[in-house]
C-alpha cells in the first residue's frame, strides 16, 4: 500500500512538471499606454541610422527584421547566398550598434554642455 501511494505521488508530480504551456488570453492583458513621443523619437533615430548603412546591409535588415523574412527568403530576393545574408546582417547590426553608441555618447555630452557650448562644471566642484 505504501509503494502505491509513493508511485501515485510521483506520477502526480510528473504530470504537473510536464504540463503544457497555455497561451495567454489577450482579453485579460492590460497594455499600459506608451510614450508615443519617445517611440517616434526612437523610430526616427533608427531610420536615420539605417540611412547611414550601405544599401545591401540596409536591404538585409529591412527584409529580415521589418518584413520578417527568413534568411533563405532574403537570399532569394536579393539574389545572393544565405551566407552573404548572414554576413551582411552581422555587419549591419554591428554598424547600428556603433551608431547607437556614438549617438548615446553625444546625448550624454550634450547634456553637460552649457548653452554657449562650454562644458559646465559638475555639482561637486568648487570654483
N, C-alpha and C. Protein backbone atom coordinates (compact mmCIF):
# COMPACT_ATOMS: atom_id res chain seq x y z
N UNK A 1 0.83 -1.18 0.00
CA UNK A 1 0.00 0.00 0.00
C UNK A 1 0.88 1.26 0.00
N UNK A 2 1.95 1.24 0.80
CA UNK A 2 2.86 2.38 0.86
C UNK A 2 3.47 2.69 -0.51
N UNK A 3 3.90 1.66 -1.23
CA UNK A 3 4.51 1.84 -2.54
C UNK A 3 3.51 2.43 -3.54
N UNK A 4 2.26 2.03 -3.44
CA UNK A 4 1.24 2.60 -4.33
C UNK A 4 1.09 4.10 -4.09
N UNK A 5 1.11 4.54 -2.84
CA UNK A 5 0.99 5.95 -2.53
C UNK A 5 2.21 6.73 -3.03
N UNK A 6 3.41 6.15 -2.88
CA UNK A 6 4.63 6.79 -3.37
C UNK A 6 4.56 6.95 -4.88
N UNK A 7 4.16 5.88 -5.57
CA UNK A 7 4.06 5.94 -7.04
C UNK A 7 3.00 6.94 -7.49
N UNK A 8 1.88 7.00 -6.77
CA UNK A 8 0.82 7.95 -7.13
C UNK A 8 1.31 9.39 -6.96
N UNK A 9 2.04 9.65 -5.89
CA UNK A 9 2.57 10.99 -5.67
C UNK A 9 3.59 11.35 -6.74
N UNK A 10 4.46 10.41 -7.09
CA UNK A 10 5.46 10.65 -8.13
C UNK A 10 4.78 10.91 -9.47
N UNK A 11 3.74 10.16 -9.80
CA UNK A 11 3.01 10.38 -11.05
C UNK A 11 2.37 11.76 -11.07
N UNK A 12 1.83 12.15 -9.94
CA UNK A 12 1.19 13.47 -9.86
C UNK A 12 2.21 14.57 -10.12
N UNK A 13 3.39 14.46 -9.52
CA UNK A 13 4.42 15.48 -9.74
C UNK A 13 4.93 15.47 -11.17
N UNK A 14 5.03 14.29 -11.77
CA UNK A 14 5.46 14.23 -13.17
C UNK A 14 4.45 14.92 -14.08
N UNK A 15 3.16 14.68 -13.80
CA UNK A 15 2.12 15.31 -14.61
C UNK A 15 2.17 16.83 -14.48
N UNK A 16 2.38 17.32 -13.28
CA UNK A 16 2.45 18.76 -13.07
C UNK A 16 3.67 19.36 -13.75
N UNK A 17 4.79 18.63 -13.72
CA UNK A 17 6.02 19.14 -14.30
C UNK A 17 5.94 19.21 -15.82
N UNK A 18 5.26 18.28 -16.44
CA UNK A 18 5.20 18.22 -17.89
C UNK A 18 3.92 18.82 -18.46
N UNK A 19 3.26 19.63 -17.70
CA UNK A 19 2.05 20.26 -18.19
C UNK A 19 2.42 21.25 -19.30
N UNK A 20 1.68 21.23 -20.36
CA UNK A 20 1.96 22.11 -21.48
C UNK A 20 1.62 23.55 -21.11
N UNK A 21 2.36 24.47 -21.71
CA UNK A 21 2.06 25.88 -21.50
C UNK A 21 0.81 26.24 -22.27
N UNK A 22 0.03 27.11 -21.67
CA UNK A 22 -1.18 27.58 -22.33
C UNK A 22 -0.97 29.02 -22.76
N UNK A 23 -1.42 29.37 -23.95
CA UNK A 23 -1.24 30.76 -24.39
C UNK A 23 -2.05 31.71 -23.52
N UNK A 24 -1.53 32.89 -23.33
CA UNK A 24 -2.18 33.90 -22.53
C UNK A 24 -3.31 34.52 -23.34
N UNK A 25 -4.46 34.61 -22.72
CA UNK A 25 -5.60 35.22 -23.39
C UNK A 25 -5.38 36.72 -23.46
N UNK A 26 -5.43 37.28 -24.65
CA UNK A 26 -5.17 38.70 -24.84
C UNK A 26 -6.25 39.60 -24.24
N UNK A 27 -7.44 39.03 -24.02
CA UNK A 27 -8.52 39.82 -23.44
C UNK A 27 -8.20 40.24 -22.00
N UNK A 28 -7.44 39.40 -21.30
CA UNK A 28 -7.15 39.67 -19.90
C UNK A 28 -5.90 40.51 -19.70
N UNK A 29 -5.18 40.80 -20.77
CA UNK A 29 -3.95 41.57 -20.67
C UNK A 29 -4.26 43.06 -20.77
N UNK A 30 -3.77 43.81 -19.81
CA UNK A 30 -3.93 45.26 -19.84
C UNK A 30 -2.62 45.84 -20.34
N UNK A 31 -2.67 46.51 -21.48
CA UNK A 31 -1.48 47.10 -22.06
C UNK A 31 -1.39 48.55 -21.60
N UNK A 32 -0.31 48.91 -20.91
CA UNK A 32 -0.20 50.30 -20.47
C UNK A 32 0.01 51.23 -21.66
N UNK A 33 -0.46 52.44 -21.50
CA UNK A 33 -0.29 53.44 -22.57
C UNK A 33 1.19 53.75 -22.69
N UNK A 34 1.69 53.77 -23.90
CA UNK A 34 3.11 54.00 -24.14
C UNK A 34 3.42 55.47 -24.32
N UNK A 35 4.67 55.74 -24.34
CA UNK A 35 5.16 57.09 -24.58
C UNK A 35 5.29 57.25 -26.09
N UNK A 36 4.28 57.83 -26.71
CA UNK A 36 4.25 57.93 -28.17
C UNK A 36 5.35 58.83 -28.70
N UNK A 37 5.67 59.88 -27.96
CA UNK A 37 6.73 60.79 -28.41
C UNK A 37 8.08 60.06 -28.36
N UNK A 38 8.30 59.29 -27.31
CA UNK A 38 9.54 58.52 -27.20
C UNK A 38 9.65 57.47 -28.29
N UNK A 39 8.53 56.82 -28.60
CA UNK A 39 8.53 55.82 -29.67
C UNK A 39 8.83 56.47 -31.02
N UNK A 40 8.25 57.63 -31.26
CA UNK A 40 8.50 58.33 -32.51
C UNK A 40 9.96 58.76 -32.61
N UNK A 41 10.52 59.20 -31.49
CA UNK A 41 11.93 59.61 -31.48
C UNK A 41 12.83 58.40 -31.72
N UNK A 42 12.50 57.27 -31.09
CA UNK A 42 13.29 56.05 -31.31
C UNK A 42 13.23 55.61 -32.76
N UNK A 43 12.04 55.69 -33.34
CA UNK A 43 11.88 55.30 -34.75
C UNK A 43 12.69 56.23 -35.66
N UNK A 44 12.67 57.52 -35.36
CA UNK A 44 13.44 58.47 -36.14
C UNK A 44 14.93 58.17 -36.07
N UNK A 45 15.42 57.87 -34.86
CA UNK A 45 16.84 57.53 -34.70
C UNK A 45 17.17 56.27 -35.50
N UNK A 46 16.28 55.28 -35.44
CA UNK A 46 16.51 54.04 -36.17
C UNK A 46 16.53 54.28 -37.68
N UNK A 47 15.60 55.07 -38.18
CA UNK A 47 15.56 55.33 -39.63
C UNK A 47 16.79 56.11 -40.09
N UNK A 48 17.24 57.05 -39.26
CA UNK A 48 18.46 57.80 -39.61
C UNK A 48 19.68 56.88 -39.61
N UNK A 49 19.73 55.96 -38.63
CA UNK A 49 20.85 55.02 -38.57
C UNK A 49 20.82 54.07 -39.77
N UNK A 50 19.63 53.61 -40.15
CA UNK A 50 19.52 52.75 -41.33
C UNK A 50 19.98 53.48 -42.58
N UNK A 51 19.70 54.75 -42.68
CA UNK A 51 20.10 55.53 -43.85
C UNK A 51 21.61 55.63 -43.96
N UNK A 52 22.33 55.47 -42.86
CA UNK A 52 23.79 55.54 -42.87
C UNK A 52 24.44 54.24 -43.34
N UNK A 53 23.66 53.17 -43.42
CA UNK A 53 24.21 51.88 -43.83
C UNK A 53 24.34 51.79 -45.34
N UNK A 54 25.28 50.95 -45.81
CA UNK A 54 25.34 50.68 -47.25
C UNK A 54 24.04 50.01 -47.72
N UNK A 55 23.69 50.16 -48.99
CA UNK A 55 22.41 49.65 -49.49
C UNK A 55 22.15 48.17 -49.24
N UNK A 56 23.16 47.32 -49.45
CA UNK A 56 22.94 45.87 -49.25
C UNK A 56 22.68 45.55 -47.79
N UNK A 57 23.39 46.19 -46.88
CA UNK A 57 23.19 45.94 -45.45
C UNK A 57 21.81 46.44 -45.02
N UNK A 58 21.44 47.59 -45.53
CA UNK A 58 20.13 48.15 -45.21
C UNK A 58 19.03 47.22 -45.74
N UNK A 59 19.20 46.72 -46.95
CA UNK A 59 18.21 45.82 -47.55
C UNK A 59 18.06 44.54 -46.73
N UNK A 60 19.19 43.99 -46.30
CA UNK A 60 19.14 42.76 -45.50
C UNK A 60 18.37 42.99 -44.20
N UNK A 61 18.67 44.08 -43.50
CA UNK A 61 17.98 44.35 -42.24
C UNK A 61 16.49 44.59 -42.45
N UNK A 62 16.15 45.33 -43.48
CA UNK A 62 14.73 45.60 -43.73
C UNK A 62 13.99 44.31 -44.06
N UNK A 63 14.57 43.49 -44.92
CA UNK A 63 13.90 42.23 -45.29
C UNK A 63 13.83 41.26 -44.11
N UNK A 64 14.92 41.17 -43.37
CA UNK A 64 14.96 40.19 -42.26
C UNK A 64 14.10 40.62 -41.07
N UNK A 65 14.20 41.87 -40.65
CA UNK A 65 13.60 42.27 -39.39
C UNK A 65 12.32 43.09 -39.53
N UNK A 66 12.19 43.88 -40.59
CA UNK A 66 10.95 44.64 -40.78
C UNK A 66 9.92 43.81 -41.54
N UNK A 67 10.38 43.07 -42.55
CA UNK A 67 9.47 42.23 -43.32
C UNK A 67 9.35 40.82 -42.74
N UNK A 68 10.20 40.50 -41.75
CA UNK A 68 10.19 39.22 -41.04
C UNK A 68 10.36 38.02 -41.99
N UNK A 69 11.29 38.15 -42.93
CA UNK A 69 11.58 37.05 -43.85
C UNK A 69 12.72 36.21 -43.29
N UNK A 70 12.76 34.95 -43.71
CA UNK A 70 13.84 34.06 -43.29
C UNK A 70 15.12 34.41 -44.06
N UNK A 71 16.22 33.82 -43.63
CA UNK A 71 17.48 34.05 -44.34
C UNK A 71 17.39 33.54 -45.78
N UNK A 72 16.75 32.40 -45.95
CA UNK A 72 16.62 31.82 -47.30
C UNK A 72 15.77 32.72 -48.20
N UNK A 73 14.66 33.24 -47.66
CA UNK A 73 13.79 34.11 -48.44
C UNK A 73 14.51 35.41 -48.81
N UNK A 74 15.25 35.94 -47.84
CA UNK A 74 16.01 37.17 -48.09
C UNK A 74 17.06 36.94 -49.16
N UNK A 75 17.76 35.80 -49.07
CA UNK A 75 18.78 35.48 -50.07
C UNK A 75 18.16 35.36 -51.46
N UNK A 76 16.99 34.74 -51.54
CA UNK A 76 16.33 34.57 -52.83
C UNK A 76 15.94 35.92 -53.42
N UNK A 77 15.42 36.81 -52.59
CA UNK A 77 15.00 38.13 -53.08
C UNK A 77 16.22 38.95 -53.54
N UNK A 78 17.30 38.86 -52.76
CA UNK A 78 18.48 39.66 -53.07
C UNK A 78 19.37 39.01 -54.12
N UNK A 79 19.11 37.74 -54.44
CA UNK A 79 19.92 37.05 -55.44
C UNK A 79 21.32 36.74 -54.96
N UNK A 80 21.45 36.36 -53.70
CA UNK A 80 22.76 36.03 -53.14
C UNK A 80 22.63 34.78 -52.28
N UNK A 81 23.73 34.36 -51.67
CA UNK A 81 23.70 33.16 -50.85
C UNK A 81 23.22 33.48 -49.43
N UNK A 82 22.84 32.44 -48.70
CA UNK A 82 22.43 32.60 -47.31
C UNK A 82 23.60 33.12 -46.48
N UNK A 83 24.79 32.66 -46.78
CA UNK A 83 25.97 33.13 -46.07
C UNK A 83 26.18 34.63 -46.23
N UNK A 84 25.89 35.14 -47.42
CA UNK A 84 26.01 36.58 -47.66
C UNK A 84 24.99 37.34 -46.82
N UNK A 85 23.77 36.80 -46.74
CA UNK A 85 22.74 37.43 -45.91
C UNK A 85 23.19 37.48 -44.46
N UNK A 86 23.75 36.37 -43.98
CA UNK A 86 24.21 36.31 -42.59
C UNK A 86 25.34 37.31 -42.33
N UNK A 87 26.30 37.36 -43.23
CA UNK A 87 27.44 38.26 -43.01
C UNK A 87 27.02 39.72 -43.12
N UNK A 88 26.16 40.05 -44.09
CA UNK A 88 25.70 41.42 -44.24
C UNK A 88 24.85 41.84 -43.04
N UNK A 89 24.05 40.92 -42.54
CA UNK A 89 23.23 41.20 -41.36
C UNK A 89 24.11 41.45 -40.14
N UNK A 90 25.12 40.62 -39.97
CA UNK A 90 26.03 40.78 -38.83
C UNK A 90 26.76 42.12 -38.89
N UNK A 91 27.27 42.46 -40.06
CA UNK A 91 27.98 43.73 -40.22
C UNK A 91 27.05 44.92 -40.02
N UNK A 92 25.83 44.80 -40.52
CA UNK A 92 24.88 45.90 -40.39
C UNK A 92 24.49 46.11 -38.94
N UNK A 93 24.25 45.04 -38.20
CA UNK A 93 23.90 45.17 -36.79
C UNK A 93 25.06 45.74 -35.99
N UNK A 94 26.28 45.34 -36.32
CA UNK A 94 27.46 45.89 -35.64
C UNK A 94 27.57 47.39 -35.92
N UNK A 95 27.31 47.79 -37.15
CA UNK A 95 27.36 49.20 -37.51
C UNK A 95 26.27 50.00 -36.79
N UNK A 96 25.07 49.41 -36.68
CA UNK A 96 23.99 50.08 -35.96
C UNK A 96 24.34 50.25 -34.49
N UNK A 97 25.01 49.24 -33.92
CA UNK A 97 25.45 49.36 -32.52
C UNK A 97 26.45 50.51 -32.37
N UNK A 98 27.38 50.63 -33.31
CA UNK A 98 28.35 51.73 -33.28
C UNK A 98 27.64 53.08 -33.37
N UNK A 99 26.70 53.18 -34.30
CA UNK A 99 25.97 54.43 -34.48
C UNK A 99 25.18 54.76 -33.21
N UNK A 100 24.56 53.74 -32.62
CA UNK A 100 23.78 53.94 -31.40
C UNK A 100 24.67 54.38 -30.25
N UNK A 101 25.84 53.75 -30.12
CA UNK A 101 26.77 54.12 -29.05
C UNK A 101 27.25 55.56 -29.24
N UNK A 102 27.55 55.93 -30.48
CA UNK A 102 28.00 57.29 -30.76
C UNK A 102 26.88 58.28 -30.48
N UNK A 103 25.66 57.92 -30.82
CA UNK A 103 24.52 58.80 -30.58
C UNK A 103 24.29 58.98 -29.09
N UNK A 104 24.37 57.88 -28.33
CA UNK A 104 24.17 57.96 -26.89
C UNK A 104 25.28 58.76 -26.22
N UNK A 105 26.51 58.61 -26.70
CA UNK A 105 27.63 59.37 -26.15
C UNK A 105 27.44 60.86 -26.45
N UNK A 106 26.94 61.18 -27.62
CA UNK A 106 26.67 62.56 -27.97
C UNK A 106 25.57 63.17 -27.12
N UNK A 107 24.55 62.36 -26.80
CA UNK A 107 23.48 62.85 -25.94
C UNK A 107 24.00 63.15 -24.54
N UNK A 108 24.83 62.23 -24.02
CA UNK A 108 25.39 62.44 -22.68
C UNK A 108 26.28 63.68 -22.66
N UNK A 109 27.10 63.84 -23.68
CA UNK A 109 27.97 65.02 -23.75
C UNK A 109 27.15 66.28 -23.93
N UNK A 110 26.08 66.21 -24.69
CA UNK A 110 25.22 67.35 -24.92
C UNK A 110 24.50 67.80 -23.67
N UNK A 111 24.18 66.88 -22.75
CA UNK A 111 23.50 67.23 -21.52
C UNK A 111 24.40 68.02 -20.60
N UNK A 112 25.71 67.84 -20.72
CA UNK A 112 26.65 68.51 -19.83
C UNK A 112 27.14 69.83 -20.41
N UNK A 113 26.76 70.16 -21.63
CA UNK A 113 27.26 71.38 -22.26
C UNK A 113 26.37 72.56 -21.91
N UNK A 114 26.99 73.69 -21.73
CA UNK A 114 26.25 74.93 -21.47
C UNK A 114 25.67 75.43 -22.78
N UNK A 115 24.68 76.33 -22.72
CA UNK A 115 24.08 76.83 -23.96
C UNK A 115 25.08 77.48 -24.91
N UNK A 116 26.18 78.06 -24.37
CA UNK A 116 27.15 78.70 -25.25
C UNK A 116 28.21 77.72 -25.76
N UNK A 117 28.03 76.41 -25.46
CA UNK A 117 28.94 75.40 -25.98
C UNK A 117 30.03 74.99 -25.01
N UNK A 118 30.21 75.79 -23.91
CA UNK A 118 31.23 75.42 -22.93
C UNK A 118 30.70 74.32 -22.02
N UNK A 119 31.59 73.51 -21.52
CA UNK A 119 31.18 72.44 -20.62
C UNK A 119 30.93 73.03 -19.24
N UNK A 120 29.87 72.56 -18.60
CA UNK A 120 29.55 73.04 -17.27
C UNK A 120 30.36 72.28 -16.24
N UNK A 121 30.60 72.93 -15.12
CA UNK A 121 31.30 72.26 -14.02
C UNK A 121 30.30 71.35 -13.33
N UNK A 122 30.83 70.28 -12.76
CA UNK A 122 29.99 69.35 -12.02
C UNK A 122 29.48 70.00 -10.75
N UNK A 123 28.46 69.39 -10.14
CA UNK A 123 27.85 69.94 -8.95
C UNK A 123 28.79 69.92 -7.76
N UNK A 124 29.70 68.96 -7.70
CA UNK A 124 30.58 68.83 -6.56
C UNK A 124 31.84 69.61 -6.68
N UNK A 125 32.10 70.31 -7.76
CA UNK A 125 33.37 71.01 -7.94
C UNK A 125 33.27 72.41 -7.37
N UNK A 126 34.38 72.90 -6.92
CA UNK A 126 34.45 74.26 -6.35
C UNK A 126 35.13 75.17 -7.37
N UNK A 127 34.67 76.34 -7.51
CA UNK A 127 35.43 77.20 -8.41
C UNK A 127 34.66 78.21 -9.02
